[in-house]
PDB file of N, CA and C in Angstrom:
ATOM      1  N   MET A   1     -11.988  39.880 -10.272  1.00  0.00           N
ATOM      2  CA  MET A   1     -12.070  38.862 -11.288  1.00  0.00           C
ATOM      3  C   MET A   1     -10.732  38.152 -11.461  1.00  0.00           C
ATOM      4  N   LEU A   2      -9.645  38.893 -11.378  1.00  0.00           N
ATOM      5  CA  LEU A   2      -8.322  38.279 -11.506  1.00  0.00           C
ATOM      6  C   LEU A   2      -8.049  37.306 -10.366  1.00  0.00           C
ATOM      7  N   GLU A   3      -8.532  37.658  -9.181  1.00  0.00           N
ATOM      8  CA  GLU A   3      -8.291  36.781  -8.040  1.00  0.00           C
ATOM      9  C   GLU A   3      -9.050  35.465  -8.189  1.00  0.00           C
ATOM     10  N   ASN A   4     -10.267  35.514  -8.745  1.00  0.00           N
ATOM     11  CA  ASN A   4     -11.016  34.281  -8.980  1.00  0.00           C
ATOM     12  C   ASN A   4     -10.307  33.393  -9.996  1.00  0.00           C
ATOM     13  N   ALA A   5      -9.779  33.995 -11.046  1.00  0.00           N
ATOM     14  CA  ALA A   5      -9.032  33.214 -12.036  1.00  0.00           C
ATOM     15  C   ALA A   5      -7.781  32.618 -11.409  1.00  0.00           C
ATOM     16  N   TYR A   6      -7.142  33.393 -10.549  1.00  0.00           N
ATOM     17  CA  TYR A   6      -5.956  32.875  -9.859  1.00  0.00           C
ATOM     18  C   TYR A   6      -6.317  31.687  -8.973  1.00  0.00           C
ATOM     19  N   LEU A   7      -7.416  31.818  -8.244  1.00  0.00           N
ATOM     20  CA  LEU A   7      -7.812  30.732  -7.346  1.00  0.00           C
ATOM     21  C   LEU A   7      -8.239  29.492  -8.126  1.00  0.00           C
ATOM     22  N   ARG A   8      -8.893  29.669  -9.263  1.00  0.00           N
ATOM     23  CA  ARG A   8      -9.238  28.514 -10.098  1.00  0.00           C
ATOM     24  C   ARG A   8      -7.977  27.838 -10.617  1.00  0.00           C
ATOM     25  N   HIS A   9      -7.024  28.649 -11.042  1.00  0.00           N
ATOM     26  CA  HIS A   9      -5.750  28.087 -11.505  1.00  0.00           C
ATOM     27  C   HIS A   9      -5.050  27.348 -10.376  1.00  0.00           C
ATOM     28  N   ARG A  10      -5.100  27.903  -9.198  1.00  0.00           N
ATOM     29  CA  ARG A  10      -4.469  27.262  -8.025  1.00  0.00           C
ATOM     30  C   ARG A  10      -5.155  25.934  -7.686  1.00  0.00           C
ATOM     31  N   LEU A  11      -6.466  25.886  -7.837  1.00  0.00           N
ATOM     32  CA  LEU A  11      -7.212  24.661  -7.583  1.00  0.00           C
ATOM     33  C   LEU A  11      -6.830  23.577  -8.587  1.00  0.00           C
ATOM     34  N   ARG A  12      -6.718  23.947  -9.851  1.00  0.00           N
ATOM     35  CA  ARG A  12      -6.275  22.975 -10.869  1.00  0.00           C
ATOM     36  C   ARG A  12      -4.852  22.515 -10.586  1.00  0.00           C
ATOM     37  N   GLN A  13      -4.016  23.428 -10.141  1.00  0.00           N
ATOM     38  CA  GLN A  13      -2.630  23.093  -9.828  1.00  0.00           C
ATOM     39  C   GLN A  13      -2.561  22.124  -8.652  1.00  0.00           C
ATOM     40  N   MET A  14      -3.407  22.310  -7.661  1.00  0.00           N
ATOM     41  CA  MET A  14      -3.436  21.384  -6.525  1.00  0.00           C
ATOM     42  C   MET A  14      -3.899  20.001  -6.964  1.00  0.00           C
ATOM     43  N   ASP A  15      -4.846  19.940  -7.904  1.00  0.00           N
ATOM     44  CA  ASP A  15      -5.273  18.644  -8.428  1.00  0.00           C
ATOM     45  C   ASP A  15      -4.121  17.926  -9.127  1.00  0.00           C
ATOM     46  N   GLN A  16      -3.273  18.697  -9.801  1.00  0.00           N
ATOM     47  CA  GLN A  16      -2.126  18.091 -10.479  1.00  0.00           C
ATOM     48  C   GLN A  16      -1.035  17.702  -9.501  1.00  0.00           C
ATOM     49  N   LEU A  17      -0.854  18.484  -8.435  1.00  0.00           N
ATOM     50  CA  LEU A  17       0.171  18.168  -7.452  1.00  0.00           C
ATOM     51  C   LEU A  17      -0.168  16.929  -6.635  1.00  0.00           C
ATOM     52  N   PHE A  18      -1.434  16.726  -6.406  1.00  0.00           N
ATOM     53  CA  PHE A  18      -1.886  15.580  -5.610  1.00  0.00           C
ATOM     54  C   PHE A  18      -2.764  14.692  -6.478  1.00  0.00           C
ATOM     55  N   PRO A  19      -2.152  13.865  -7.327  1.00  0.00           N
ATOM     56  CA  PRO A  19      -2.962  13.022  -8.210  1.00  0.00           C
ATOM     57  C   PRO A  19      -3.710  11.963  -7.411  1.00  0.00           C
ATOM     58  N   GLU A  20      -4.746  11.439  -8.021  1.00  0.00           N
ATOM     59  CA  GLU A  20      -5.559  10.416  -7.367  1.00  0.00           C
ATOM     60  C   GLU A  20      -4.704   9.159  -7.181  1.00  0.00           C
ATOM     61  N   PRO A  21      -4.563   8.678  -5.951  1.00  0.00           N
ATOM     62  CA  PRO A  21      -3.719   7.510  -5.726  1.00  0.00           C
ATOM     63  C   PRO A  21      -4.382   6.239  -6.220  1.00  0.00           C
ATOM     64  N   SER A  22      -3.552   5.215  -6.449  1.00  0.00           N
ATOM     65  CA  SER A  22      -4.072   3.917  -6.840  1.00  0.00           C
ATOM     66  C   SER A  22      -4.634   3.210  -5.613  1.00  0.00           C
ATOM     67  N   THR A  23      -5.157   2.011  -5.818  1.00  0.00           N
ATOM     68  CA  THR A  23      -5.731   1.258  -4.702  1.00  0.00           C
ATOM     69  C   THR A  23      -4.682   0.968  -3.654  1.00  0.00           C
ATOM     70  N   PHE A  24      -3.520   0.571  -4.096  1.00  0.00           N
ATOM     71  CA  PHE A  24      -2.415   0.328  -3.182  1.00  0.00           C
ATOM     72  C   PHE A  24      -1.425   1.467  -3.317  1.00  0.00           C
ATOM     73  N   GLY A  25      -0.668   1.707  -2.254  1.00  0.00           N
ATOM     74  CA  GLY A  25       0.335   2.762  -2.305  1.00  0.00           C
ATOM     75  C   GLY A  25       1.483   2.390  -3.220  1.00  0.00           C
ATOM     76  N   GLN A  26       2.349   3.334  -3.411  1.00  0.00           N
ATOM     77  CA  GLN A  26       3.513   3.056  -4.236  1.00  0.00           C
ATOM     78  C   GLN A  26       4.445   2.120  -3.483  1.00  0.00           C
ATOM     79  N   CYS A  27       5.033   1.193  -4.225  1.00  0.00           N
ATOM     80  CA  CYS A  27       5.945   0.235  -3.602  1.00  0.00           C
ATOM     81  C   CYS A  27       7.229   0.949  -3.180  1.00  0.00           C
ATOM     82  N   ASP A  28       7.744   0.566  -2.046  1.00  0.00           N
ATOM     83  CA  ASP A  28       9.002   1.109  -1.569  1.00  0.00           C
ATOM     84  C   ASP A  28       9.860  -0.050  -1.078  1.00  0.00           C
ATOM     85  N   CYS A  29      10.945   0.267  -0.446  1.00  0.00           N
ATOM     86  CA  CYS A  29      11.894  -0.750  -0.003  1.00  0.00           C
ATOM     87  C   CYS A  29      11.243  -1.719   0.993  1.00  0.00           C
ATOM     88  N   THR A  30      10.399  -1.204   1.859  1.00  0.00           N
ATOM     89  CA  THR A  30       9.752  -2.061   2.851  1.00  0.00           C
ATOM     90  C   THR A  30       8.827  -3.068   2.191  1.00  0.00           C
ATOM     91  N   SER A  31       8.035  -2.629   1.235  1.00  0.00           N
ATOM     92  CA  SER A  31       7.116  -3.559   0.575  1.00  0.00           C
ATOM     93  C   SER A  31       7.872  -4.594  -0.251  1.00  0.00           C
ATOM     94  N   TYR A  32       8.952  -4.170  -0.910  1.00  0.00           N
ATOM     95  CA  TYR A  32       9.764  -5.143  -1.639  1.00  0.00           C
ATOM     96  C   TYR A  32      10.405  -6.152  -0.691  1.00  0.00           C
ATOM     97  N   SER A  33      10.843  -5.702   0.467  1.00  0.00           N
ATOM     98  CA  SER A  33      11.447  -6.609   1.448  1.00  0.00           C
ATOM     99  C   SER A  33      10.417  -7.605   1.971  1.00  0.00           C
ATOM    100  N   TYR A  34       9.214  -7.134   2.272  1.00  0.00           N
ATOM    101  CA  TYR A  34       8.149  -8.036   2.714  1.00  0.00           C
ATOM    102  C   TYR A  34       7.846  -9.075   1.644  1.00  0.00           C
ATOM    103  N   PHE A  35       7.760  -8.615   0.390  1.00  0.00           N
ATOM    104  CA  PHE A  35       7.450  -9.541  -0.689  1.00  0.00           C
ATOM    105  C   PHE A  35       8.558 -10.583  -0.858  1.00  0.00           C
ATOM    106  N   ALA A  36       9.819 -10.158  -0.817  1.00  0.00           N
ATOM    107  CA  ALA A  36      10.933 -11.095  -0.951  1.00  0.00           C
ATOM    108  C   ALA A  36      10.946 -12.098   0.204  1.00  0.00           C
ATOM    109  N   LEU A  37      10.699 -11.619   1.417  1.00  0.00           N
ATOM    110  CA  LEU A  37      10.660 -12.518   2.572  1.00  0.00           C
ATOM    111  C   LEU A  37       9.529 -13.529   2.450  1.00  0.00           C
ATOM    112  N   SER A  38       8.371 -13.090   1.980  1.00  0.00           N
ATOM    113  CA  SER A  38       7.249 -14.028   1.838  1.00  0.00           C
ATOM    114  C   SER A  38       7.536 -15.078   0.770  1.00  0.00           C
ATOM    115  N   VAL A  39       8.178 -14.677  -0.330  1.00  0.00           N
ATOM    116  CA  VAL A  39       8.522 -15.643  -1.374  1.00  0.00           C
ATOM    117  C   VAL A  39       9.544 -16.650  -0.863  1.00  0.00           C
ATOM    118  N   VAL A  40      10.547 -16.180  -0.131  1.00  0.00           N
ATOM    119  CA  VAL A  40      11.568 -17.086   0.409  1.00  0.00           C
ATOM    120  C   VAL A  40      10.950 -18.063   1.412  1.00  0.00           C
ATOM    121  N   LEU A  41      10.128 -17.552   2.317  1.00  0.00           N
ATOM    122  CA  LEU A  41       9.489 -18.435   3.299  1.00  0.00           C
ATOM    123  C   LEU A  41       8.589 -19.462   2.620  1.00  0.00           C
ATOM    124  N   PHE A  42       7.827 -19.035   1.648  1.00  0.00           N
ATOM    125  CA  PHE A  42       6.933 -19.956   0.950  1.00  0.00           C
ATOM    126  C   PHE A  42       7.731 -21.011   0.184  1.00  0.00           C
ATOM    127  N   ALA A  43       8.806 -20.589  -0.484  1.00  0.00           N
ATOM    128  CA  ALA A  43       9.617 -21.538  -1.259  1.00  0.00           C
ATOM    129  C   ALA A  43      10.319 -22.542  -0.341  1.00  0.00           C
ATOM    130  N   VAL A  44      10.897 -22.070   0.749  1.00  0.00           N
ATOM    131  CA  VAL A  44      11.575 -22.976   1.685  1.00  0.00           C
ATOM    132  C   VAL A  44      10.577 -23.954   2.287  1.00  0.00           C
ATOM    133  N   GLY A  45       9.401 -23.465   2.658  1.00  0.00           N
ATOM    134  CA  GLY A  45       8.373 -24.344   3.204  1.00  0.00           C
ATOM    135  C   GLY A  45       7.919 -25.390   2.211  1.00  0.00           C
ATOM    136  N   THR A  46       7.770 -24.990   0.961  1.00  0.00           N
ATOM    137  CA  THR A  46       7.370 -25.946  -0.071  1.00  0.00           C
ATOM    138  C   THR A  46       8.436 -27.010  -0.285  1.00  0.00           C
ATOM    139  N   VAL A  47       9.698 -26.595  -0.347  1.00  0.00           N
ATOM    140  CA  VAL A  47      10.798 -27.549  -0.541  1.00  0.00           C
ATOM    141  C   VAL A  47      10.879 -28.519   0.637  1.00  0.00           C
ATOM    142  N   ILE A  48      10.799 -28.007   1.845  1.00  0.00           N
ATOM    143  CA  ILE A  48      10.876 -28.880   3.031  1.00  0.00           C
ATOM    144  C   ILE A  48       9.700 -29.849   3.059  1.00  0.00           C
ATOM    145  N   THR A  49       8.508 -29.370   2.732  1.00  0.00           N
ATOM    146  CA  THR A  49       7.329 -30.240   2.741  1.00  0.00           C
ATOM    147  C   THR A  49       7.446 -31.337   1.688  1.00  0.00           C
ATOM    148  N   VAL A  50       7.840 -30.953   0.483  1.00  0.00           N
ATOM    149  CA  VAL A  50       7.967 -31.940  -0.590  1.00  0.00           C
ATOM    150  C   VAL A  50       9.043 -32.966  -0.257  1.00  0.00           C
ATOM    151  N   LEU A  51      10.172 -32.505   0.262  1.00  0.00           N
ATOM    152  CA  LEU A  51      11.251 -33.442   0.589  1.00  0.00           C
ATOM    153  C   LEU A  51      10.897 -34.329   1.783  1.00  0.00           C
ATOM    154  N   ALA A  52      10.196 -33.775   2.763  1.00  0.00           N
ATOM    155  CA  ALA A  52       9.845 -34.569   3.943  1.00  0.00           C
ATOM    156  C   ALA A  52       8.744 -35.578   3.629  1.00  0.00           C
ATOM    157  N   LEU A  53       7.761 -35.177   2.818  1.00  0.00           N
ATOM    158  CA  LEU A  53       6.677 -36.102   2.485  1.00  0.00           C
ATOM    159  C   LEU A  53       7.068 -37.068   1.371  1.00  0.00           C
ATOM    160  N   GLY A  54       7.995 -36.677   0.536  1.00  0.00           N
ATOM    161  CA  GLY A  54       8.451 -37.547  -0.545  1.00  0.00           C
ATOM    162  C   GLY A  54       9.503 -38.538  -0.093  1.00  0.00           C
ATOM    163  N   ASP A  55       9.786 -38.537   1.175  1.00  0.00           N
ATOM    164  CA  ASP A  55      10.832 -39.399   1.730  1.00  0.00           C
ATOM    165  C   ASP A  55      10.241 -40.713   2.251  1.00  0.00           C
ATOM    166  N   ALA A  56       9.326 -41.291   1.511  1.00  0.00           N
ATOM    167  CA  ALA A  56       8.683 -42.525   1.960  1.00  0.00           C
ATOM    168  C   ALA A  56       9.637 -43.709   1.902  1.00  0.00           C
ATOM    169  N   ASP A  57      10.545 -43.708   0.931  1.00  0.00           N
ATOM    170  CA  ASP A  57      11.476 -44.828   0.796  1.00  0.00           C
ATOM    171  C   ASP A  57      12.581 -44.779   1.841  1.00  0.00           C
ATOM    172  N   GLY A  58      12.940 -43.597   2.295  1.00  0.00           N
ATOM    173  CA  GLY A  58      13.918 -43.474   3.352  1.00  0.00           C
ATOM    174  C   GLY A  58      15.359 -43.482   2.904  1.00  0.00           C
ATOM    175  N   TYR A  59      15.634 -43.408   1.628  1.00  0.00           N
ATOM    176  CA  TYR A  59      17.021 -43.435   1.192  1.00  0.00           C
ATOM    177  C   TYR A  59      17.489 -42.140   0.557  1.00  0.00           C
ATOM    178  N   ILE A  60      16.620 -41.156   0.324  1.00  0.00           N
ATOM    179  CA  ILE A  60      17.068 -39.882  -0.257  1.00  0.00           C
ATOM    180  C   ILE A  60      17.454 -38.910   0.860  1.00  0.00           C
ATOM    181  N   PHE A  61      16.495 -38.488   1.636  1.00  0.00           N
ATOM    182  CA  PHE A  61      16.748 -37.571   2.747  1.00  0.00           C
ATOM    183  C   PHE A  61      16.156 -38.190   4.013  1.00  0.00           C
ATOM    184  N   SER A  62      16.880 -39.049   4.624  1.00  0.00           N
ATOM    185  CA  SER A  62      16.342 -39.761   5.783  1.00  0.00           C
ATOM    186  C   SER A  62      16.223 -38.864   7.004  1.00  0.00           C
ATOM    187  N   SER A  63      16.968 -37.755   7.037  1.00  0.00           N
ATOM    188  CA  SER A  63      16.909 -36.881   8.212  1.00  0.00           C
ATOM    189  C   SER A  63      15.716 -35.919   8.184  1.00  0.00           C
ATOM    190  N   LEU A  64      14.993 -35.810   7.071  1.00  0.00           N
ATOM    191  CA  LEU A  64      13.867 -34.889   6.970  1.00  0.00           C
ATOM    192  C   LEU A  64      12.528 -35.524   7.334  1.00  0.00           C
ATOM    193  N   GLY A  65      12.523 -36.747   7.737  1.00  0.00           N
ATOM    194  CA  GLY A  65      11.271 -37.432   8.040  1.00  0.00           C
ATOM    195  C   GLY A  65      10.488 -36.800   9.163  1.00  0.00           C
ATOM    196  N   HIS A  66      11.152 -36.219  10.140  1.00  0.00           N
ATOM    197  CA  HIS A  66      10.482 -35.607  11.278  1.00  0.00           C
ATOM    198  C   HIS A  66      10.177 -34.130  11.055  1.00  0.00           C
ATOM    199  N   MET A  67      10.496 -33.608   9.891  1.00  0.00           N
ATOM    200  CA  MET A  67      10.285 -32.183   9.617  1.00  0.00           C
ATOM    201  C   MET A  67       9.033 -31.934   8.789  1.00  0.00           C
ATOM    202  N   TRP A  68       8.100 -32.873   8.748  1.00  0.00           N
ATOM    203  CA  TRP A  68       6.909 -32.692   7.931  1.00  0.00           C
ATOM    204  C   TRP A  68       6.066 -31.517   8.417  1.00  0.00           C
ATOM    205  N   LEU A  69       6.200 -31.130   9.688  1.00  0.00           N
ATOM    206  CA  LEU A  69       5.420 -30.018  10.231  1.00  0.00           C
ATOM    207  C   LEU A  69       6.097 -28.666   9.993  1.00  0.00           C
ATOM    208  N   VAL A  70       7.399 -28.659   9.819  1.00  0.00           N
ATOM    209  CA  VAL A  70       8.134 -27.399   9.640  1.00  0.00           C
ATOM    210  C   VAL A  70       7.793 -26.739   8.299  1.00  0.00           C
ATOM    211  N   GLY A  71       7.615 -27.543   7.265  1.00  0.00           N
ATOM    212  CA  GLY A  71       7.287 -27.006   5.945  1.00  0.00           C
ATOM    213  C   GLY A  71       5.996 -26.206   5.928  1.00  0.00           C
ATOM    214  N   PRO A  72       4.884 -26.772   6.421  1.00  0.00           N
ATOM    215  CA  PRO A  72       3.643 -25.979   6.455  1.00  0.00           C
ATOM    216  C   PRO A  72       3.743 -24.728   7.329  1.00  0.00           C
ATOM    217  N   ILE A  73       4.552 -24.776   8.376  1.00  0.00           N
ATOM    218  CA  ILE A  73       4.740 -23.569   9.204  1.00  0.00           C
ATOM    219  C   ILE A  73       5.410 -22.469   8.376  1.00  0.00           C
ATOM    220  N   PHE A  74       6.428 -22.839   7.601  1.00  0.00           N
ATOM    221  CA  PHE A  74       7.087 -21.864   6.727  1.00  0.00           C
ATOM    222  C   PHE A  74       6.111 -21.351   5.666  1.00  0.00           C
ATOM    223  N   ILE A  75       5.306 -22.241   5.107  1.00  0.00           N
ATOM    224  CA  ILE A  75       4.339 -21.824   4.076  1.00  0.00           C
ATOM    225  C   ILE A  75       3.334 -20.834   4.670  1.00  0.00           C
ATOM    226  N   CYS A  76       2.797 -21.142   5.834  1.00  0.00           N
ATOM    227  CA  CYS A  76       1.838 -20.227   6.474  1.00  0.00           C
ATOM    228  C   CYS A  76       2.493 -18.903   6.840  1.00  0.00           C
ATOM    229  N   SER A  77       3.737 -18.961   7.296  1.00  0.00           N
ATOM    230  CA  SER A  77       4.450 -17.716   7.621  1.00  0.00           C
ATOM    231  C   SER A  77       4.646 -16.867   6.372  1.00  0.00           C
ATOM    232  N   GLY A  78       4.990 -17.499   5.271  1.00  0.00           N
ATOM    233  CA  GLY A  78       5.137 -16.763   4.014  1.00  0.00           C
ATOM    234  C   GLY A  78       3.849 -16.113   3.570  1.00  0.00           C
ATOM    235  N   LEU A  79       2.738 -16.839   3.716  1.00  0.00           N
ATOM    236  CA  LEU A  79       1.437 -16.268   3.347  1.00  0.00           C
ATOM    237  C   LEU A  79       1.057 -15.114   4.262  1.00  0.00           C
ATOM    238  N   MET A  80       1.342 -15.245   5.556  1.00  0.00           N
ATOM    239  CA  MET A  80       1.021 -14.154   6.490  1.00  0.00           C
ATOM    240  C   MET A  80       1.855 -12.907   6.207  1.00  0.00           C
ATOM    241  N   VAL A  81       3.125 -13.092   5.843  1.00  0.00           N
ATOM    242  CA  VAL A  81       3.963 -11.930   5.508  1.00  0.00           C
ATOM    243  C   VAL A  81       3.456 -11.285   4.217  1.00  0.00           C
ATOM    244  N   ALA A  82       2.982 -12.100   3.263  1.00  0.00           N
ATOM    245  CA  ALA A  82       2.423 -11.539   2.031  1.00  0.00           C
ATOM    246  C   ALA A  82       1.165 -10.720   2.331  1.00  0.00           C
ATOM    247  N   VAL A  83       0.310 -11.210   3.216  1.00  0.00           N
ATOM    248  CA  VAL A  83      -0.888 -10.457   3.607  1.00  0.00           C
ATOM    249  C   VAL A  83      -0.489  -9.168   4.315  1.00  0.00           C
ATOM    250  N   LYS A  84       0.537  -9.241   5.159  1.00  0.00           N
ATOM    251  CA  LYS A  84       1.027  -8.040   5.844  1.00  0.00           C
ATOM    252  C   LYS A  84       1.530  -7.011   4.826  1.00  0.00           C
ATOM    253  N   SER A  85       2.189  -7.474   3.789  1.00  0.00           N
ATOM    254  CA  SER A  85       2.678  -6.565   2.751  1.00  0.00           C
ATOM    255  C   SER A  85       1.520  -5.868   2.045  1.00  0.00           C
ATOM    256  N   VAL A  86       0.475  -6.627   1.722  1.00  0.00           N
ATOM    257  CA  VAL A  86      -0.689  -6.029   1.060  1.00  0.00           C
ATOM    258  C   VAL A  86      -1.366  -5.022   1.983  1.00  0.00           C
ATOM    259  N   LEU A  87      -1.500  -5.369   3.258  1.00  0.00           N
ATOM    260  CA  LEU A  87      -2.117  -4.437   4.214  1.00  0.00           C
ATOM    261  C   LEU A  87      -1.265  -3.189   4.406  1.00  0.00           C
ATOM    262  N   TYR A  88       0.062  -3.348   4.392  1.00  0.00           N
ATOM    263  CA  TYR A  88       0.959  -2.193   4.499  1.00  0.00           C
ATOM    264  C   TYR A  88       0.757  -1.247   3.319  1.00  0.00           C
ATOM    265  N   LEU A  89       0.688  -1.813   2.109  1.00  0.00           N
ATOM    266  CA  LEU A  89       0.490  -0.972   0.927  1.00  0.00           C
ATOM    267  C   LEU A  89      -0.894  -0.316   0.934  1.00  0.00           C
ATOM    268  N   ARG A  90      -1.889  -1.035   1.406  1.00  0.00           N
ATOM    269  CA  ARG A  90      -3.242  -0.467   1.479  1.00  0.00           C
ATOM    270  C   ARG A  90      -3.296   0.683   2.481  1.00  0.00           C
ATOM    271  N   ARG A  91      -2.656   0.487   3.646  1.00  0.00           N
ATOM    272  CA  ARG A  91      -2.642   1.540   4.662  1.00  0.00           C
ATOM    273  C   ARG A  91      -1.911   2.775   4.145  1.00  0.00           C
ATOM    274  N   LYS A  92      -0.808   2.539   3.454  1.00  0.00           N
ATOM    275  CA  LYS A  92      -0.045   3.653   2.894  1.00  0.00           C
ATOM    276  C   LYS A  92      -0.870   4.413   1.852  1.00  0.00           C
ATOM    277  N   GLY A  93      -1.627   3.682   1.039  1.00  0.00           N
ATOM    278  CA  GLY A  93      -2.489   4.319   0.042  1.00  0.00           C
ATOM    279  C   GLY A  93      -3.596   5.137   0.671  1.00  0.00           C
ATOM    280  N   ILE A  94      -4.168   4.628   1.769  1.00  0.00           N
ATOM    281  CA  ILE A  94      -5.232   5.358   2.459  1.00  0.00           C
ATOM    282  C   ILE A  94      -4.685   6.640   3.077  1.00  0.00           C
ATOM    283  N   ILE A  95      -3.484   6.573   3.661  1.00  0.00           N
ATOM    284  CA  ILE A  95      -2.866   7.766   4.248  1.00  0.00           C
ATOM    285  C   ILE A  95      -2.612   8.809   3.170  1.00  0.00           C
ATOM    286  N   GLN A  96      -2.111   8.380   2.002  1.00  0.00           N
ATOM    287  CA  GLN A  96      -1.878   9.321   0.907  1.00  0.00           C
ATOM    288  C   GLN A  96      -3.189   9.947   0.433  1.00  0.00           C
ATOM    289  N   MET A  97      -4.250   9.145   0.363  1.00  0.00           N
ATOM    290  CA  MET A  97      -5.544   9.659  -0.070  1.00  0.00           C
ATOM    291  C   MET A  97      -6.073  10.695   0.918  1.00  0.00           C
ATOM    292  N   LEU A  98      -5.939  10.423   2.222  1.00  0.00           N
ATOM    293  CA  LEU A  98      -6.413  11.377   3.228  1.00  0.00           C
ATOM    294  C   LEU A  98      -5.622  12.680   3.185  1.00  0.00           C
ATOM    295  N   LEU A  99      -4.312  12.590   3.002  1.00  0.00           N
ATOM    296  CA  LEU A  99      -3.504  13.812   2.894  1.00  0.00           C
ATOM    297  C   LEU A  99      -3.884  14.618   1.661  1.00  0.00           C
ATOM    298  N   ARG A 100      -4.165  13.925   0.555  1.00  0.00           N
ATOM    299  CA  ARG A 100      -4.573  14.615  -0.671  1.00  0.00           C
ATOM    300  C   ARG A 100      -5.905  15.310  -0.466  1.00  0.00           C
ATOM    301  N   GLN A 101      -6.872  14.611   0.128  1.00  0.00           N
ATOM    302  CA  GLN A 101      -8.186  15.212   0.343  1.00  0.00           C
ATOM    303  C   GLN A 101      -8.100  16.397   1.292  1.00  0.00           C
ATOM    304  N   ARG A 102      -7.247  16.303   2.295  1.00  0.00           N
ATOM    305  CA  ARG A 102      -7.102  17.415   3.228  1.00  0.00           C
ATOM    306  C   ARG A 102      -6.523  18.648   2.539  1.00  0.00           C
ATOM    307  N   ALA A 103      -5.501  18.434   1.698  1.00  0.00           N
ATOM    308  CA  ALA A 103      -4.907  19.563   0.983  1.00  0.00           C
ATOM    309  C   ALA A 103      -5.901  20.178   0.006  1.00  0.00           C
ATOM    310  N   LEU A 104      -6.654  19.341  -0.703  1.00  0.00           N
ATOM    311  CA  LEU A 104      -7.641  19.873  -1.639  1.00  0.00           C
ATOM    312  C   LEU A 104      -8.776  20.584  -0.913  1.00  0.00           C
ATOM    313  N   LEU A 105      -9.169  20.070   0.228  1.00  0.00           N
ATOM    314  CA  LEU A 105     -10.232  20.716   0.998  1.00  0.00           C
ATOM    315  C   LEU A 105      -9.799  22.098   1.473  1.00  0.00           C
ATOM    316  N   ARG A 106      -8.554  22.214   1.895  1.00  0.00           N
ATOM    317  CA  ARG A 106      -8.069  23.529   2.341  1.00  0.00           C
ATOM    318  C   ARG A 106      -8.100  24.536   1.206  1.00  0.00           C
ATOM    319  N   VAL A 107      -7.678  24.107   0.013  1.00  0.00           N
ATOM    320  CA  VAL A 107      -7.667  25.019  -1.129  1.00  0.00           C
ATOM    321  C   VAL A 107      -9.092  25.397  -1.508  1.00  0.00           C
ATOM    322  N   ARG A 108      -9.998  24.426  -1.512  1.00  0.00           N
ATOM    323  CA  ARG A 108     -11.376  24.715  -1.899  1.00  0.00           C
ATOM    324  C   ARG A 108     -12.070  25.606  -0.884  1.00  0.00           C
ATOM    325  N   VAL A 109     -11.820  25.380   0.401  1.00  0.00           N
ATOM    326  CA  VAL A 109     -12.419  26.236   1.425  1.00  0.00           C
ATOM    327  C   VAL A 109     -11.903  27.666   1.264  1.00  0.00           C
ATOM    328  N   HIS A 110     -10.611  27.808   1.032  1.00  0.00           N
ATOM    329  CA  HIS A 110     -10.053  29.141   0.814  1.00  0.00           C
ATOM    330  C   HIS A 110     -10.679  29.782  -0.414  1.00  0.00           C
ATOM    331  N   PHE A 111     -10.838  28.999  -1.482  1.00  0.00           N
ATOM    332  CA  PHE A 111     -11.421  29.501  -2.720  1.00  0.00           C
ATOM    333  C   PHE A 111     -12.857  29.983  -2.498  1.00  0.00           C
ATOM    334  N   PHE A 112     -13.679  29.159  -1.854  1.00  0.00           N
ATOM    335  CA  PHE A 112     -15.083  29.528  -1.648  1.00  0.00           C
ATOM    336  C   PHE A 112     -15.225  30.671  -0.648  1.00  0.00           C
ATOM    337  N   LEU A 113     -14.385  30.720   0.371  1.00  0.00           N
ATOM    338  CA  LEU A 113     -14.442  31.845   1.299  1.00  0.00           C
ATOM    339  C   LEU A 113     -14.084  33.140   0.593  1.00  0.00           C
ATOM    340  N   HIS A 114     -13.120  33.052  -0.293  1.00  0.00           N
ATOM    341  CA  HIS A 114     -12.726  34.242  -1.031  1.00  0.00           C
ATOM    342  C   HIS A 114     -13.858  34.701  -1.943  1.00  0.00           C
ATOM    343  N   ILE A 115     -14.553  33.771  -2.569  1.00  0.00           N
ATOM    344  CA  ILE A 115     -15.679  34.142  -3.433  1.00  0.00           C
ATOM    345  C   ILE A 115     -16.802  34.761  -2.608  1.00  0.00           C
ATOM    346  N   VAL A 116     -17.114  34.156  -1.477  1.00  0.00           N
ATOM    347  CA  VAL A 116     -18.185  34.691  -0.624  1.00  0.00           C
ATOM    348  C   VAL A 116     -17.830  36.080  -0.126  1.00  0.00           C
ATOM    349  N   LEU A 117     -16.582  36.279   0.269  1.00  0.00           N
ATOM    350  CA  LEU A 117     -16.172  37.604   0.751  1.00  0.00           C
ATOM    351  C   LEU A 117     -16.197  38.635  -0.365  1.00  0.00           C
ATOM    352  N   SER A 118     -15.774  38.219  -1.566  1.00  0.00           N
ATOM    353  CA  SER A 118     -15.797  39.179  -2.672  1.00  0.00           C
ATOM    354  C   SER A 118     -17.231  39.514  -3.081  1.00  0.00           C
ATOM    355  N   LEU A 119     -18.131  38.542  -3.000  1.00  0.00           N
ATOM    356  CA  LEU A 119     -19.542  38.824  -3.301  1.00  0.00           C
ATOM    357  C   LEU A 119     -20.178  39.718  -2.248  1.00  0.00           C
ATOM    358  N   SER A 120     -19.831  39.503  -1.006  1.00  0.00           N
ATOM    359  CA  SER A 120     -20.418  40.332   0.059  1.00  0.00           C
ATOM    360  C   SER A 120     -19.889  41.765  -0.033  1.00  0.00           C
ATOM    361  N   VAL A 121     -18.650  41.932  -0.451  1.00  0.00           N
ATOM    362  CA  VAL A 121     -18.109  43.292  -0.616  1.00  0.00           C
ATOM    363  C   VAL A 121     -18.766  43.970  -1.798  1.00  0.00           C
ATOM    364  N   CYS A 122     -19.027  43.210  -2.882  1.00  0.00           N
ATOM    365  CA  CYS A 122     -19.644  43.799  -4.071  1.00  0.00           C
ATOM    366  C   CYS A 122     -21.105  44.207  -3.806  1.00  0.00           C
ATOM    367  N   ASN A 123     -21.778  43.521  -2.926  1.00  0.00           N
ATOM    368  CA  ASN A 123     -23.189  43.825  -2.667  1.00  0.00           C
ATOM    369  C   ASN A 123     -23.358  45.104  -1.854  1.00  0.00           C
ATOM    370  N   PHE A 124     -22.345  45.543  -1.157  1.00  0.00           N
ATOM    371  CA  PHE A 124     -22.471  46.768  -0.351  1.00  0.00           C
ATOM    372  C   PHE A 124     -22.191  47.979  -1.127  1.00  0.00           C
TER     373      PHE A 124
END
């Protein structure tokens, strides 16, 4: 009986050690770097696009007239890096969830095997 109580306590302890992860993984340096890079690329692309397309008069920034295509490229690159950041966090969250389920499964299998063995010994 003491061993069953111990195993139940151990199962609760494993639930506390491996909490249920959120949809996305925890942010780390890589995800912050991806996010900062995507914001910079998007902002630079927006500025270049606005300045190149707003240069109809030709007296503010006359050298940006041929760069109308560079701005959207930067904007698309920023959006793609942002999507990569979200996918990175999602993949990290899935890996954490799988590791948690594996650890909990091992504890539960050990717990149930111990109960089955103790019941089979008691029946003899």
